[in-house]
Protein backbone atom coordinates (compact mmCIF):
# COMPACT_ATOMS: atom_id res chain seq x y z
CA UNK A 1 33.64 -5.71 -12.01
CA UNK A 2 33.42 -8.46 -9.45
CA UNK A 3 31.99 -11.86 -10.11
CA UNK A 4 29.21 -11.64 -7.55
CA UNK A 5 28.45 -7.92 -7.65
CA UNK A 6 25.72 -6.61 -9.90
CA UNK A 7 25.54 -2.98 -10.84
CA UNK A 8 22.56 -1.06 -9.59
CA UNK A 9 20.77 0.87 -12.33
CA UNK A 10 20.69 4.64 -12.20
CA UNK A 11 17.59 6.19 -10.68
CA UNK A 12 15.21 8.02 -12.97
CA UNK A 13 14.29 11.48 -11.73
CA UNK A 14 12.10 13.48 -14.08
CA UNK A 15 11.88 17.17 -13.22
CA UNK A 16 9.05 19.18 -14.72
CA UNK A 17 10.04 22.40 -16.42
CA UNK A 18 6.72 24.23 -16.73
CA UNK A 19 5.16 23.59 -13.32
CA UNK A 20 4.64 26.15 -10.58
CA UNK A 21 4.88 24.09 -7.37
CA UNK A 22 3.71 26.97 -5.17
CA UNK A 23 0.58 27.41 -7.24
CA UNK A 24 -0.18 23.65 -7.08
CA UNK A 25 0.23 23.61 -3.28
CA UNK A 26 -2.07 26.61 -2.88
CA UNK A 27 -4.68 24.95 -5.09
CA UNK A 28 -4.54 21.73 -2.99
CA UNK A 29 -4.91 23.75 0.24
CA UNK A 30 -7.92 25.62 -1.17
CA UNK A 31 -9.60 22.38 -2.29
CA UNK A 32 -8.99 20.75 1.10
CA UNK A 33 -10.48 23.78 2.89
CA UNK A 34 -13.54 23.83 0.63
CA UNK A 35 -14.04 20.09 1.15
CA UNK A 36 -13.80 20.53 4.93
CA UNK A 37 -16.35 23.32 4.85
CA UNK A 38 -18.68 21.28 2.66
CA UNK A 39 -18.61 23.67 -0.28
CA UNK A 40 -17.62 20.90 -2.72
CA UNK A 41 -18.20 17.14 -2.73
CA UNK A 42 -15.58 14.77 -1.28
CA UNK A 43 -12.75 13.76 -3.55
CA UNK A 44 -13.35 10.73 -5.76
CA UNK A 45 -11.32 7.58 -5.28
CA UNK A 46 -8.04 7.41 -7.16
CA UNK A 47 -7.53 4.99 -10.01
CA UNK A 48 -5.40 2.72 -7.83
CA UNK A 49 -8.12 2.50 -5.17
CA UNK A 50 -10.74 1.69 -7.80
CA UNK A 51 -8.56 -1.06 -9.29
CA UNK A 52 -7.89 -2.52 -5.83
CA UNK A 53 -11.63 -2.50 -5.15
CA UNK A 54 -12.32 -4.37 -8.39
CA UNK A 55 -9.68 -6.98 -7.54
CA UNK A 56 -11.26 -7.61 -4.14
CA UNK A 57 -14.71 -7.95 -5.73
CA UNK A 58 -13.49 -10.62 -8.14
CA UNK A 59 -11.80 -12.95 -5.64
CA UNK A 60 -13.72 -14.93 -3.04
CA UNK A 61 -10.93 -15.23 -0.46
CA UNK A 62 -10.31 -11.46 -0.46
CA UNK A 63 -14.05 -10.83 -0.14
CA UNK A 64 -14.21 -13.06 2.93
CA UNK A 65 -11.17 -11.43 4.48
CA UNK A 66 -12.62 -7.96 3.89
CA UNK A 67 -15.99 -8.97 5.37
CA UNK A 68 -14.43 -10.60 8.44
CA UNK A 69 -12.01 -7.75 8.97
CA UNK A 70 -9.24 -10.11 10.07
CA UNK A 71 -6.15 -9.56 7.95
CA UNK A 72 -3.28 -12.00 8.31
CA UNK A 73 -0.48 -9.98 9.81
CA UNK A 74 3.20 -10.78 9.75
CA UNK A 75 3.21 -11.02 13.55
CA UNK A 76 0.59 -13.75 13.40
CA UNK A 77 2.54 -15.65 10.73
CA UNK A 78 5.78 -15.39 12.72
CA UNK A 79 3.99 -16.58 15.86
CA UNK A 80 2.60 -19.61 14.03
CA UNK A 81 6.01 -20.44 12.55
CA UNK A 82 7.69 -20.12 15.96
CA UNK A 83 5.06 -22.39 17.49
CA UNK A 84 5.56 -25.00 14.77
CA UNK A 85 9.32 -24.82 15.25
CA UNK A 86 8.98 -25.41 19.00
CA UNK A 87 6.68 -28.37 18.42
CA UNK A 88 9.02 -29.78 15.75
CA UNK A 89 12.06 -29.48 18.04
CA UNK A 90 10.17 -31.00 20.98
CA UNK A 91 9.13 -34.05 18.94
CA UNK A 92 12.61 -34.85 17.58
CA UNK A 93 14.72 -34.50 20.73
């Protein structure tokens, strides 16, 4: 063991014993086809999507961002930081 090296934990990989993957795939394909043909209603939102929707409803700044449709992207943040760096360097030369 080194002083500065930390051991990475083992990955957890749970394999199901009593699952027929082929049957599950066929079922998903059938449901997708029925949904496309309009035989059944569209799939409901997943739990994660519902939770995310509730979080957005409860916070004002996320509501505004969703209404405006202008997410802050990493490119925009990097551009602003680069601009500030240029201005900072220009002032102190």
